[in-house]
Amino acid sequence: MIDRNPMIYVVDDDASVCRSIERLLLSRDYRTKAFTSAHDFLSLKYYERPACLVLDLAMPDVNGIEVQEKLIASDISLPIIFISGNATIPASVRAMKAGAVNFIEKPFDHNVLIAEIEKSIQQDVKISHREMEILAIKQCIDTLTPRENEVFKQVITGKLNKQIAAELGVCEKTIKVHRANMMKKMHVRSVAELVRLSASLATFPMKAQHLCQYQARCENQSKRSGNIVDQTAYRYADAT
């Protein structure tokens, strides 16, 4: 599930800057959480989505670039808007190359910041939907038995039932049964659909830690909305 009300995270060691941005965001009906410590922000168990991060570049202990690197290392794809009063060109280039949405110099125009936040949220909505699709595929795969999983891996390579049976040392009739069960659990009706699901996993991988965080976030948001993850996530398979 994706929360319709975006969360804007603010990380700046200057408490007055945090308060100022919080007031601005609340006035525009955004939900927000502010942190004067990068460590506290990085200690969150999961990050709500859709969301974006307004991040100060120059902070003690852990600077903005290091926060960005730690998020990337944890496979957490929050769009980042850097803010700084003394940004250097090398730092700006480094941040943008690593995927930052923009770099805004302090003091900044409130309308400029809001415009960048709105752009970031639109970007994260697309990413969040994609992550939900990947989670749904992984949940389907987790329901497969070890033998069905083996058949799945063979089918997506284009092998026929006879070839798979020879490869696994079983009769073709047994493979047909496993294949039918696997296709049903994966919510697909053709090999082409199955290959597309497999390709999605390859092109948009989620690390184990990120998957656990994302699943916890989905479950938390599902409880608030009264839905469960599986019922909505599986729609992707039906739409392919």
Protein backbone atom coordinates (compact mmCIF):
# COMPACT_ATOMS: atom_id res chain seq x y z
CA MET A 1 0.00 0.00 0.00
CA ILE A 2 1.19 3.53 -0.73
CA ASP A 3 0.16 6.28 1.59
CA ARG A 4 -1.55 9.10 -0.31
CA ASN A 5 -0.25 11.74 2.10
CA PRO A 6 3.51 12.09 1.44
CA MET A 7 6.07 12.20 4.21
CA ILE A 8 8.82 14.81 4.02
CA TYR A 9 11.90 14.02 6.09
CA VAL A 10 14.09 16.96 7.09
CA VAL A 11 17.62 16.47 8.41
CA ASP A 12 19.58 19.56 9.46
CA ASP A 13 21.71 20.07 12.55
CA ASP A 14 20.33 23.61 12.83
CA ALA A 15 17.12 23.30 14.87
CA SER A 16 15.84 26.67 13.65
CA VAL A 17 16.10 25.52 10.03
CA CYS A 18 14.20 22.33 10.90
CA ARG A 19 11.43 24.32 12.58
CA SER A 20 11.19 26.74 9.67
CA ILE A 21 10.88 23.97 7.08
CA GLU A 22 8.42 22.09 9.29
CA ARG A 23 6.15 25.13 9.53
CA LEU A 24 6.32 25.62 5.77
CA LEU A 25 5.46 21.99 5.04
CA LEU A 26 2.64 21.85 7.57
CA SER A 27 1.15 24.98 6.01
CA ARG A 28 1.04 23.06 2.71
CA ASP A 29 -0.58 20.01 4.37
CA TYR A 30 2.48 17.79 4.13
CA ARG A 31 3.34 15.33 6.86
CA THR A 32 6.87 15.87 8.10
CA LYS A 33 9.47 14.49 10.49
CA ALA A 34 12.51 16.59 11.31
CA PHE A 35 15.83 15.45 12.73
CA THR A 36 18.75 17.50 14.00
CA SER A 37 20.85 14.34 14.07
CA ALA A 38 21.73 12.30 11.00
CA HIS A 39 22.27 9.28 13.25
CA ASP A 40 18.69 9.51 14.53
CA PHE A 41 17.35 9.67 10.97
CA LEU A 42 19.45 6.70 9.84
CA SER A 43 18.28 4.72 12.88
CA LEU A 44 14.67 4.62 11.65
CA LYS A 45 13.45 1.05 11.16
CA TYR A 46 11.69 1.93 7.91
CA TYR A 47 10.86 4.97 5.85
CA GLU A 48 7.31 5.87 4.90
CA ARG A 49 6.50 6.29 1.24
CA PRO A 50 5.92 8.20 -0.89
CA ALA A 51 8.46 10.55 0.64
CA CYS A 52 11.47 12.70 0.03
CA LEU A 53 14.39 13.88 2.12
CA VAL A 54 15.44 17.50 2.57
CA LEU A 55 19.02 17.06 3.68
CA ASP A 56 21.64 19.52 4.87
CA LEU A 57 25.05 19.03 3.32
CA ALA A 58 27.33 20.28 6.09
CA MET A 59 26.60 18.54 9.40
CA PRO A 60 28.90 17.36 12.17
CA ASP A 61 29.72 13.67 12.63
CA VAL A 62 27.81 12.49 9.53
CA ASN A 63 27.50 14.95 6.63
CA GLY A 64 24.82 14.96 3.94
CA ILE A 65 26.91 13.11 1.36
CA GLU A 66 27.62 10.35 3.89
CA VAL A 67 23.90 10.07 4.70
CA GLN A 68 23.18 9.71 0.98
CA GLU A 69 25.86 7.01 0.68
CA LYS A 70 24.49 5.09 3.67
CA LEU A 71 20.97 5.15 2.22
CA ILE A 72 22.26 3.92 -1.15
CA ALA A 73 24.28 1.17 0.57
CA SER A 74 21.07 0.05 2.32
CA ASP A 75 19.18 0.13 -1.00
CA ILE A 76 16.85 2.87 0.27
CA SER A 77 15.77 4.99 -2.67
CA LEU A 78 14.46 8.19 -1.07
CA PRO A 79 14.65 11.19 -3.42
CA ILE A 80 17.02 13.73 -1.83
CA ILE A 81 16.98 17.51 -2.01
CA PHE A 82 20.24 18.90 -0.62
CA ILE A 83 20.30 22.29 1.09
CA SER A 84 23.47 24.11 2.06
CA GLY A 85 24.83 27.55 2.83
CA ASN A 86 28.33 26.78 1.62
CA ALA A 87 28.14 24.02 -0.96
CA THR A 88 31.21 23.44 -3.11
CA ILE A 89 30.96 22.53 -6.78
CA PRO A 90 32.64 19.11 -6.26
CA ALA A 91 30.19 18.27 -3.45
CA SER A 92 27.23 19.35 -5.57
CA VAL A 93 28.41 17.28 -8.54
CA ARG A 94 29.03 14.25 -6.33
CA ALA A 95 25.55 14.45 -4.81
CA MET A 96 23.82 14.87 -8.18
CA LYS A 97 25.75 11.99 -9.73
CA ALA A 98 24.61 9.80 -6.83
CA GLY A 99 20.99 10.60 -7.64
CA ALA A 100 20.06 13.76 -5.71
CA VAL A 101 17.02 15.54 -7.15
CA ASN A 102 18.50 19.00 -6.69
CA PHE A 103 20.85 21.19 -4.70
CA ILE A 104 19.40 24.37 -3.16
CA GLU A 105 21.52 27.07 -1.55
CA LYS A 106 20.53 28.67 1.75
CA PRO A 107 18.72 30.95 2.22
CA PHE A 108 16.25 29.47 -0.23
CA ASP A 109 12.94 30.64 -1.63
CA HIS A 110 10.07 28.68 -0.07
CA ASN A 111 8.32 28.30 -3.42
CA VAL A 112 11.46 26.83 -4.96
CA LEU A 113 11.73 24.27 -2.16
CA ILE A 114 8.06 23.30 -2.43
CA ALA A 115 8.39 22.91 -6.21
CA GLU A 116 11.37 20.58 -5.77
CA ILE A 117 9.53 18.59 -3.09
CA GLU A 118 6.52 18.12 -5.36
CA LYS A 119 8.80 16.92 -8.16
CA SER A 120 10.51 14.52 -5.75
CA ILE A 121 7.21 13.09 -4.52
CA GLN A 122 6.02 12.44 -8.07
CA GLN A 123 9.28 10.57 -8.66
CA ASP A 124 8.93 8.55 -5.48
CA VAL A 125 5.32 7.59 -6.18
CA LYS A 126 6.54 5.87 -9.36
CA ILE A 127 9.36 4.13 -7.48
CA SER A 128 7.03 3.06 -4.66
CA HIS A 129 4.57 1.53 -7.10
CA ARG A 130 7.43 -0.36 -8.73
CA GLU A 131 8.64 -1.63 -5.35
CA MET A 132 5.12 -2.81 -4.57
CA GLU A 133 5.08 -4.76 -7.82
CA ILE A 134 8.43 -6.38 -6.99
CA LEU A 135 7.24 -7.23 -3.47
CA ALA A 136 4.16 -8.90 -4.97
CA ILE A 137 6.31 -11.01 -7.30
CA LYS A 138 8.59 -12.04 -4.43
CA GLN A 139 5.60 -12.97 -2.30
CA CYS A 140 4.37 -15.20 -5.14
CA ILE A 141 7.75 -16.88 -5.47
CA ASP A 142 7.86 -17.50 -1.72
CA THR A 143 4.72 -19.65 -2.04
CA LEU A 144 6.42 -22.06 -4.46
CA THR A 145 7.67 -25.43 -3.28
CA PRO A 146 11.37 -26.20 -3.90
CA ARG A 147 10.43 -28.33 -6.93
CA GLU A 148 8.07 -25.66 -8.31
CA ASN A 149 10.86 -23.13 -7.92
CA GLU A 150 13.16 -25.37 -9.95
CA VAL A 151 10.52 -25.67 -12.66
CA PHE A 152 10.03 -21.89 -12.60
CA LYS A 153 13.74 -21.32 -13.24
CA GLN A 154 13.72 -23.81 -16.09
CA VAL A 155 10.54 -22.52 -17.73
CA ILE A 156 11.77 -18.91 -17.95
CA THR A 157 14.78 -20.12 -19.95
CA GLY A 158 12.39 -21.45 -22.61
CA LYS A 159 12.77 -25.16 -21.94
CA LEU A 160 9.96 -27.56 -22.79
CA ASN A 161 8.39 -29.94 -20.26
CA LYS A 162 10.28 -32.89 -21.79
CA GLN A 163 13.60 -31.05 -21.44
CA ILE A 164 12.87 -30.01 -17.86
CA ALA A 165 11.90 -33.57 -16.94
CA ALA A 166 15.20 -34.86 -18.29
CA GLU A 167 17.10 -32.12 -16.48
CA LEU A 168 15.46 -32.85 -13.12
CA GLY A 169 15.30 -36.62 -13.56
CA VAL A 170 11.52 -37.01 -13.31
CA CYS A 171 8.75 -37.95 -15.72
CA GLU A 172 7.14 -35.35 -17.99
CA LYS A 173 3.72 -35.83 -16.35
CA THR A 174 5.18 -34.77 -12.99
CA ILE A 175 6.64 -31.64 -14.56
CA LYS A 176 3.26 -30.75 -16.04
CA VAL A 177 1.69 -30.91 -12.57
CA HIS A 178 4.43 -28.79 -10.98
CA ARG A 179 4.29 -26.34 -13.86
CA ALA A 180 0.52 -25.90 -13.60
CA ASN A 181 0.76 -25.32 -9.84
CA MET A 182 3.64 -22.87 -10.30
CA MET A 183 1.78 -20.85 -12.96
CA LYS A 184 -1.29 -20.66 -10.72
CA LYS A 185 0.72 -19.46 -7.72
CA MET A 186 2.52 -16.87 -9.87
CA HIS A 187 -0.86 -15.60 -11.14
CA VAL A 188 0.11 -15.87 -14.81
CA ARG A 189 -1.42 -17.62 -17.78
CA SER A 190 1.50 -17.72 -20.21
CA VAL A 191 5.25 -18.20 -20.30
CA ALA A 192 5.59 -14.67 -21.69
CA GLU A 193 3.99 -13.24 -18.54
CA LEU A 194 6.25 -15.39 -16.38
CA VAL A 195 9.34 -14.16 -18.23
CA ARG A 196 8.22 -10.54 -17.74
CA LEU A 197 7.93 -11.09 -13.97
CA SER A 198 11.38 -12.64 -13.88
CA ALA A 199 12.80 -9.76 -15.92
CA SER A 200 11.26 -7.29 -13.47
CA LEU A 201 13.14 -8.90 -10.61
CA ALA A 202 16.39 -8.71 -12.57
CA THR A 203 16.00 -5.07 -13.57
CA PHE A 204 14.69 -3.81 -10.21
CA PRO A 205 16.37 -5.90 -7.48
CA MET A 206 15.57 -5.32 -3.81
CA LYS A 207 18.19 -6.30 -1.27
CA ALA A 208 17.06 -8.55 1.58
CA GLN A 209 17.35 -5.75 4.16
CA HIS A 210 15.38 -3.34 1.97
CA LEU A 211 12.74 -5.97 1.26
CA CYS A 212 12.21 -6.57 4.98
CA GLN A 213 11.98 -2.82 5.64
CA TYR A 214 9.60 -2.33 2.74
CA GLN A 215 7.39 -5.25 3.76
CA ALA A 216 7.20 -3.89 7.32
CA ARG A 217 6.25 -0.49 5.93
CA CYS A 218 3.55 -2.02 3.72
CA GLU A 219 2.11 -3.99 6.62
CA ASN A 220 2.09 -0.90 8.83
CA GLN A 221 0.32 1.19 6.19
CA SER A 222 -2.07 -1.66 5.41
CA LYS A 223 -3.19 -1.83 9.04
CA ARG A 224 -3.99 1.88 8.95
CA SER A 225 -6.00 1.52 5.74
CA GLY A 226 -7.74 -1.74 6.64
CA ASN A 227 -6.31 -3.65 3.67
CA ILE A 228 -3.69 -6.35 3.40
CA VAL A 229 -0.64 -6.27 1.19
CA ASP A 230 -1.35 -9.44 -0.79
CA GLN A 231 -4.79 -8.44 -2.05
CA THR A 232 -3.59 -5.21 -3.63
CA ALA A 233 -0.07 -6.23 -4.62
CA TYR A 234 -1.15 -9.20 -6.67
CA ARG A 235 -3.05 -6.94 -9.06
CA TYR A 236 0.25 -6.44 -10.88
CA ALA A 237 0.36 -10.05 -12.03
CA ASP A 238 -3.15 -9.80 -13.42
CA ALA A 239 -2.31 -6.60 -15.29
CA THR A 240 0.77 -7.90 -17.13
